[in-house]
Protein backbone atom coordinates (compact mmCIF):
# COMPACT_ATOMS: atom_id res chain seq x y z
CA MET A 1 -9.07 20.73 16.02
CA GLU A 2 -11.15 20.53 12.88
CA MET A 3 -13.41 17.37 12.70
CA ARG A 4 -14.03 15.42 9.24
CA GLU A 5 -15.94 12.27 8.48
CA ILE A 6 -14.26 9.25 7.07
CA GLY A 7 -15.97 8.81 3.86
CA LYS A 8 -19.58 7.70 4.44
CA SER A 9 -18.90 5.68 7.50
CA GLY A 10 -20.40 8.07 9.93
CA ILE A 11 -17.05 8.00 11.80
CA ARG A 12 -15.80 11.55 12.71
CA THR A 13 -12.30 12.23 13.45
CA ASN A 14 -9.76 15.05 13.73
CA ALA A 15 -8.15 16.27 10.49
CA LEU A 16 -4.77 14.96 11.77
CA ALA A 17 -4.12 11.44 12.51
CA LEU A 18 -0.93 9.64 14.10
CA GLY A 19 1.02 7.30 11.87
CA CYS A 20 2.97 4.50 13.69
CA TRP A 21 5.23 2.98 10.99
CA ALA A 22 8.44 4.53 12.83
CA ILE A 23 7.06 2.95 16.27
CA GLY A 24 7.63 -0.49 14.70
CA GLY A 25 11.41 0.29 14.94
CA GLY A 26 13.61 -2.37 13.13
CA GLU A 27 15.81 -1.91 10.09
CA TRP A 28 13.36 0.69 8.56
CA TRP A 29 13.70 3.22 11.45
CA GLY A 30 16.35 1.90 13.85
CA ALA A 31 16.32 1.44 17.67
CA ASN A 32 12.95 2.47 19.29
CA ASP A 33 11.97 3.43 22.91
CA ASP A 34 8.66 1.59 23.25
CA GLU A 35 7.89 3.36 26.58
CA MET A 36 8.22 6.72 24.79
CA SER A 37 6.08 5.43 21.96
CA VAL A 38 3.26 4.71 24.48
CA LYS A 39 3.63 8.06 25.96
CA THR A 40 3.45 9.87 22.55
CA ILE A 41 0.30 7.87 21.64
CA LEU A 42 -1.33 8.76 24.86
CA ARG A 43 -0.15 12.47 24.53
CA GLY A 44 -1.54 12.59 21.17
CA LEU A 45 -4.95 11.56 22.31
CA GLU A 46 -4.75 14.41 24.97
CA LEU A 47 -4.05 16.86 22.15
CA GLY A 48 -7.12 15.43 20.24
CA ILE A 49 -5.19 13.21 17.65
CA ASN A 50 -7.48 10.48 18.02
CA TRP A 51 -6.96 8.42 14.85
CA ILE A 52 -3.96 6.10 15.33
CA ASP A 53 -2.81 4.32 12.19
CA THR A 54 -0.58 1.19 11.77
CA ALA A 55 -0.07 -1.94 9.74
CA ARG A 56 0.37 -5.61 10.50
CA VAL A 57 3.96 -5.50 8.89
CA TYR A 58 5.27 -2.40 10.62
CA GLY A 59 8.05 -3.89 12.74
CA PHE A 60 6.63 -7.20 11.84
CA GLY A 61 3.88 -6.79 14.51
CA HIS A 62 5.78 -4.64 16.89
CA SER A 63 3.96 -1.43 16.07
CA GLU A 64 0.79 -3.07 16.85
CA GLU A 65 2.10 -4.56 20.09
CA VAL A 66 3.10 -1.13 21.21
CA ILE A 67 -0.21 0.34 20.22
CA GLY A 68 -1.95 -2.50 22.24
CA GLN A 69 0.11 -1.39 25.28
CA ALA A 70 -1.29 2.14 24.81
CA LEU A 71 -4.76 1.07 24.46
CA LYS A 72 -4.63 -0.73 27.85
CA GLN A 73 -3.95 2.68 29.24
CA THR A 74 -6.84 4.70 27.75
CA ASP A 75 -10.61 4.12 27.01
CA ARG A 76 -10.72 2.27 23.63
CA SER A 77 -13.83 4.29 22.74
CA ARG A 78 -11.72 7.39 22.46
CA VAL A 79 -9.65 5.91 19.66
CA ILE A 80 -10.12 5.55 15.92
CA LEU A 81 -7.93 2.73 15.04
CA SER A 82 -6.71 1.68 11.72
CA THR A 83 -4.46 -1.24 10.52
CA LYS A 84 -3.74 -2.95 7.38
CA CYS A 85 -3.83 -6.40 5.93
CA GLY A 86 -2.37 -8.20 2.76
CA LEU A 87 1.24 -8.21 3.52
CA GLN A 88 2.28 -11.46 5.04
CA TRP A 89 5.41 -13.43 5.97
CA TYR A 90 3.76 -16.57 7.51
CA ASP A 91 3.81 -18.87 4.36
CA HIS A 92 4.60 -18.90 0.62
CA GLY A 93 1.21 -17.58 -0.45
CA GLY A 94 0.80 -14.62 -2.65
CA GLU A 95 3.50 -12.41 -4.67
CA VAL A 96 6.95 -11.73 -3.24
CA HIS A 97 7.04 -7.89 -2.33
CA PHE A 98 10.27 -7.49 -0.36
CA THR A 99 12.72 -9.14 2.02
CA LYS A 100 13.60 -7.60 5.36
CA GLU A 101 15.09 -8.70 8.63
CA GLY A 102 15.04 -12.40 7.39
CA ASN A 103 11.52 -12.25 6.60
CA THR A 104 10.12 -12.74 2.88
CA VAL A 105 7.01 -10.44 2.68
CA SER A 106 4.30 -11.27 -0.03
CA ARG A 107 1.32 -9.39 -1.23
CA ASP A 108 -1.62 -11.57 -0.41
CA LEU A 109 -5.32 -10.19 -0.58
CA SER A 110 -7.01 -13.60 -0.71
CA PRO A 111 -9.87 -14.00 1.61
CA LYS A 112 -8.06 -16.56 3.76
CA ALA A 113 -4.97 -14.25 4.12
CA ILE A 114 -6.72 -11.21 5.04
CA ARG A 115 -8.83 -12.91 7.42
CA ARG A 116 -5.84 -14.43 9.19
CA ASP A 117 -4.23 -10.94 9.27
CA LEU A 118 -7.44 -9.42 10.86
CA GLU A 119 -7.46 -12.09 13.69
CA LEU A 120 -3.74 -11.58 14.30
CA SER A 121 -4.20 -7.84 14.44
CA LEU A 122 -7.23 -8.07 16.87
CA LYS A 123 -5.23 -10.26 19.19
CA THR A 124 -2.00 -8.07 19.10
CA LEU A 125 -3.69 -4.89 19.58
CA GLY A 126 -6.03 -6.25 22.30
CA THR A 127 -9.40 -5.13 20.95
CA ASP A 128 -12.25 -6.78 19.29
CA TYR A 129 -12.71 -4.48 16.44
CA ILE A 130 -10.83 -2.19 13.98
CA ASP A 131 -12.28 1.11 13.04
CA VAL A 132 -10.83 1.27 9.68
CA TYR A 133 -9.15 -1.70 7.92
CA TYR A 134 -7.06 -1.22 4.82
CA THR A 135 -5.62 -3.46 2.16
CA HIS A 136 -1.97 -2.45 2.38
CA TRP A 137 -0.64 -3.13 -1.20
CA GLN A 138 -2.48 -4.47 -4.12
CA CYS A 139 -1.43 -7.53 -6.02
CA LYS A 140 1.43 -7.04 -8.50
CA THR A 141 -0.47 -9.13 -11.04
CA TYR A 142 -3.64 -7.16 -10.84
CA GLY A 143 -6.62 -9.54 -10.79
CA LYS A 144 -4.89 -12.43 -9.58
CA VAL A 145 -7.05 -12.23 -6.50
CA PRO A 146 -10.16 -10.27 -8.00
CA VAL A 147 -11.09 -7.23 -6.13
CA ALA A 148 -14.56 -8.57 -5.68
CA GLU A 149 -13.22 -11.39 -3.62
CA THR A 150 -11.27 -9.12 -1.31
CA MET A 151 -13.88 -6.83 -0.91
CA GLY A 152 -16.56 -9.61 -0.25
CA GLU A 153 -14.42 -10.75 2.79
CA LEU A 154 -14.04 -7.16 3.98
CA LEU A 155 -17.74 -6.74 3.72
CA ARG A 156 -18.23 -9.96 5.77
CA MET A 157 -15.78 -8.59 8.54
CA LYS A 158 -17.91 -5.32 8.52
CA GLU A 159 -21.24 -7.39 8.88
CA GLU A 160 -19.70 -9.20 11.80
CA GLY A 161 -18.77 -5.95 13.57
CA LYS A 162 -14.95 -6.69 13.56
CA ILE A 163 -14.42 -3.58 11.34
CA ARG A 164 -16.31 -0.40 10.96
CA ALA A 165 -14.92 1.08 7.59
CA ILE A 166 -13.00 -0.24 4.67
CA GLY A 167 -10.01 1.45 3.24
CA ALA A 168 -7.45 0.69 0.40
CA SER A 169 -3.73 1.84 0.45
CA ASN A 170 -1.29 2.27 -2.51
CA VAL A 171 -3.92 2.17 -5.38
CA ASP A 172 -4.15 3.77 -8.75
CA LEU A 173 -7.27 4.98 -10.38
CA THR A 174 -8.17 1.80 -12.00
CA VAL A 175 -7.88 -0.16 -8.57
CA LEU A 176 -9.75 2.65 -6.79
CA LYS A 177 -12.72 2.51 -9.23
CA ASP A 178 -12.84 -1.40 -9.01
CA TYR A 179 -12.90 -1.22 -5.28
CA ALA A 180 -15.79 1.34 -5.39
CA ALA A 181 -17.82 -0.95 -7.82
CA ALA A 182 -17.31 -3.86 -5.69
CA GLY A 183 -18.74 -2.57 -2.68
CA GLY A 184 -17.50 0.94 -1.83
CA LEU A 185 -14.57 2.39 0.17
CA ASP A 186 -14.63 4.79 2.75
CA VAL A 187 -10.98 5.82 2.67
CA ILE A 188 -7.70 5.46 0.74
CA GLN A 189 -4.24 6.16 1.94
CA GLU A 190 -1.88 7.54 -0.54
CA LYS A 191 1.38 9.71 -0.43
CA LEU A 192 0.97 13.42 -0.83
CA SER A 193 3.14 16.50 0.05
CA ILE A 194 3.67 19.72 -1.18
CA LEU A 195 6.69 18.16 -3.13
CA ASP A 196 4.76 15.23 -4.40
CA ARG A 197 1.27 15.96 -5.45
CA LYS A 198 0.34 13.17 -7.92
CA ALA A 199 -2.49 11.89 -5.67
CA GLU A 200 -4.00 15.47 -5.93
CA SER A 201 -4.25 15.28 -9.56
CA ASP A 202 -5.42 11.58 -10.31
CA LEU A 203 -6.91 10.29 -7.08
CA LEU A 204 -8.47 13.19 -5.20
CA PRO A 205 -10.99 14.14 -7.75
CA PHE A 206 -12.53 10.86 -7.68
CA CYS A 207 -12.44 10.69 -3.96
CA GLU A 208 -14.29 14.11 -3.85
CA ALA A 209 -17.02 12.96 -6.27
CA ASN A 210 -17.70 9.74 -4.48
CA GLY A 211 -17.34 10.79 -0.73
CA ILE A 212 -14.11 8.90 -0.11
CA THR A 213 -11.45 10.28 2.36
CA LEU A 214 -7.87 10.61 1.12
CA GLN A 215 -5.69 9.98 4.15
CA THR A 216 -2.28 11.49 3.03
CA TYR A 217 1.01 10.11 4.33
CA SER A 218 4.51 11.55 4.24
CA PRO A 219 3.26 15.10 4.25
CA ILE A 220 6.79 16.17 5.52
CA GLU A 221 8.68 13.80 3.18
CA GLN A 222 9.74 11.65 6.18
CA GLY A 223 11.23 14.70 7.94
CA LEU A 224 12.75 16.39 5.09
CA LEU A 225 10.27 19.33 5.34
CA ALA A 226 10.93 19.91 8.88
CA GLY A 227 14.17 21.72 7.65
CA LYS A 228 16.50 19.94 9.76
CA ALA A 229 18.42 17.71 7.28
CA PRO A 230 21.89 19.08 6.38
CA ASP A 231 22.62 19.49 2.48
CA ASP A 232 25.24 16.74 2.69
CA TYR A 233 22.91 14.23 4.54
CA ILE A 234 23.07 10.73 3.12
CA PRO A 235 20.55 8.13 4.40
CA ALA A 236 21.93 4.87 5.83
CA LYS A 237 21.76 1.93 3.51
CA GLY A 238 18.27 0.09 4.09
CA GLU A 239 16.81 2.78 6.10
CA VAL A 240 13.37 4.17 5.17
CA ARG A 241 14.72 7.26 3.29
CA ASP A 242 17.40 5.30 1.39
CA GLY A 243 16.65 5.57 -2.40
CA LYS A 244 13.88 8.10 -2.03
CA THR A 245 13.87 10.86 -4.77
CA TRP A 246 13.71 13.93 -2.32
CA TRP A 247 16.54 12.36 0.02
CA LYS A 248 19.12 12.67 -2.92
CA GLN A 249 21.83 15.25 -1.88
CA GLU A 250 20.85 17.54 -4.96
CA ASN A 251 17.23 17.52 -4.08
CA ILE A 252 17.92 17.83 -0.23
CA ARG A 253 19.58 21.26 -1.27
CA THR A 254 16.67 22.25 -3.55
CA ALA A 255 14.21 21.62 -0.94
CA ASN A 256 16.32 23.50 1.85
CA GLU A 257 16.53 26.63 -0.41
CA MET A 258 12.75 26.46 -0.61
CA LEU A 259 12.29 26.05 3.06
CA ALA A 260 14.73 28.95 3.74
CA GLY A 261 12.32 31.14 1.92
CA TRP A 262 9.57 30.56 4.44
CA LYS A 263 11.17 32.13 7.36
CA ASP A 264 8.76 34.81 7.22
CA LEU A 265 5.83 32.49 7.17
CA THR A 266 7.15 30.61 10.40
CA ASP A 267 7.49 34.04 12.03
CA LYS A 268 4.09 35.19 11.04
CA TYR A 269 2.42 32.08 12.17
CA ARG A 270 4.83 31.45 15.01
CA CYS A 271 4.98 27.91 13.94
CA SER A 272 7.52 25.29 12.53
CA LEU A 273 8.29 24.49 9.04
CA ALA A 274 6.60 21.02 9.56
CA ASN A 275 3.60 22.73 10.89
CA LEU A 276 3.37 24.83 7.78
CA CYS A 277 3.57 21.79 5.28
CA ILE A 278 1.06 19.83 7.36
CA LYS A 279 -1.48 22.53 7.28
CA TRP A 280 -0.79 23.20 3.74
CA ASN A 281 -1.63 19.52 3.11
CA SER A 282 -5.00 19.64 4.97
CA MET A 283 -6.00 22.77 2.90
CA VAL A 284 -5.86 20.96 -0.33
CA SER A 285 -9.47 19.45 0.22
CA PRO A 286 -11.99 18.98 3.02
CA ASN A 287 -11.85 15.20 2.01
CA ILE A 288 -8.16 14.96 3.23
CA ASN A 289 -7.06 13.59 6.53
CA VAL A 290 -3.37 14.15 7.23
CA LEU A 291 -1.22 11.18 8.53
CA CYS A 292 1.86 12.29 10.51
CA GLY A 293 4.36 9.94 12.05
CA ALA A 294 5.75 10.49 15.66
CA ARG A 295 7.43 8.52 18.34
CA LYS A 296 8.53 11.26 20.64
CA LEU A 297 6.68 13.75 22.84
CA SER A 298 8.36 16.70 21.19
CA GLN A 299 7.23 15.49 17.77
CA ILE A 300 3.62 14.82 18.54
CA GLU A 301 3.34 18.07 20.62
CA ASP A 302 4.65 20.11 17.49
CA THR A 303 2.43 18.19 15.07
CA ALA A 304 -0.78 18.90 17.20
CA ARG A 305 -0.11 22.63 16.60
CA SER A 306 -0.42 22.43 12.66
CA MET A 307 -4.21 22.55 12.49
CA ASP A 308 -4.36 25.71 14.63
CA ILE A 309 -2.52 27.80 11.92
CA PRO A 310 -4.85 30.32 10.37
CA MET A 311 -3.09 30.09 7.21
CA SER A 312 -4.36 32.41 4.42
CA GLN A 313 -5.24 31.45 1.01
CA GLU A 314 -2.63 33.64 -0.31
CA ASP A 315 0.08 31.92 1.83
CA TYR A 316 -1.24 28.40 0.79
CA LEU A 317 -0.79 29.60 -3.16
CA ARG A 318 2.41 31.16 -2.36
CA MET A 319 3.75 27.92 -0.84
CA ARG A 320 2.33 25.94 -3.92
CA ARG A 321 4.20 28.17 -6.33
CA ASP A 322 7.51 27.81 -4.59
CA ALA A 323 7.19 24.11 -4.43
CA ASP A 324 6.28 24.07 -8.13
CA LYS A 325 9.91 25.80 -8.65
CA ALA A 326 11.47 23.21 -6.45
CA ILE A 327 9.96 20.42 -8.25
CA GLY A 328 11.21 21.93 -11.63
CA LYS A 329 14.71 21.70 -10.32
CA GLN A 330 14.28 18.02 -9.03
CA VAL A 331 16.83 15.74 -10.34
């Protein structure tokens, strides 16, 4: 599997990473088999997927707990581990972000809050350092906690050896530039799929010019691009796909029509539709690391095949053109 550096951190990892939001279960993702999740993480490591990404808020700590169980069964030095800070449900600090499962979650990037998050993550994960530490969501009232204050605390964590690289998630170009000016980022995490390419046009050029990795999430639109959703599928109220643009029935049909046109490609490369879309994502730029969720052995084993597809530039461009047509029909 192709190796890429995370920003300018000196940390090298595979071009594919394992996202562990679903492993947290709960109302977002439904019932979860923790034992299977641990097996999935360990199988991913065997297959070369060594970057494991989570967040403090995923499952309200449960995703980190499950990963902690997996880390006990492997060599910690094999793992590139990332988690996120800044979403807290412990007190009334910060700005309210959402309410879920009886918890009121606030965005809080104050030095005190992110330090508390770090210490809780270290304890839950059972490790003494985090390889990549992200701020999860930025303050709604931008500047309420100056980026320089947040970055100052992150740099102190790095000096202490508790984190190795600094990242930010869910940023716009203004915030990205402010982080870069305040001390430098190694990576940002943003949504990018063949059907949603906003980050490609506004964030990626700055990342490429400044040696910042773009870790892309939802490369298969939370399962839609795997081609297994029926045209009449309706997401359950409150689950992660509820209200998402591409999960409207009209848009599911449009996506399925596009995917049906790629049967010759799945035959040519002897791969799944998900493999095609993940590989396409990785080819957008050498600065990209693709983050894919999995909590079953079948999912991680299929995902791991994606980077081995010898996709031609011609097929890459064809898929882009087909997706442009689908985007044009989006409602």
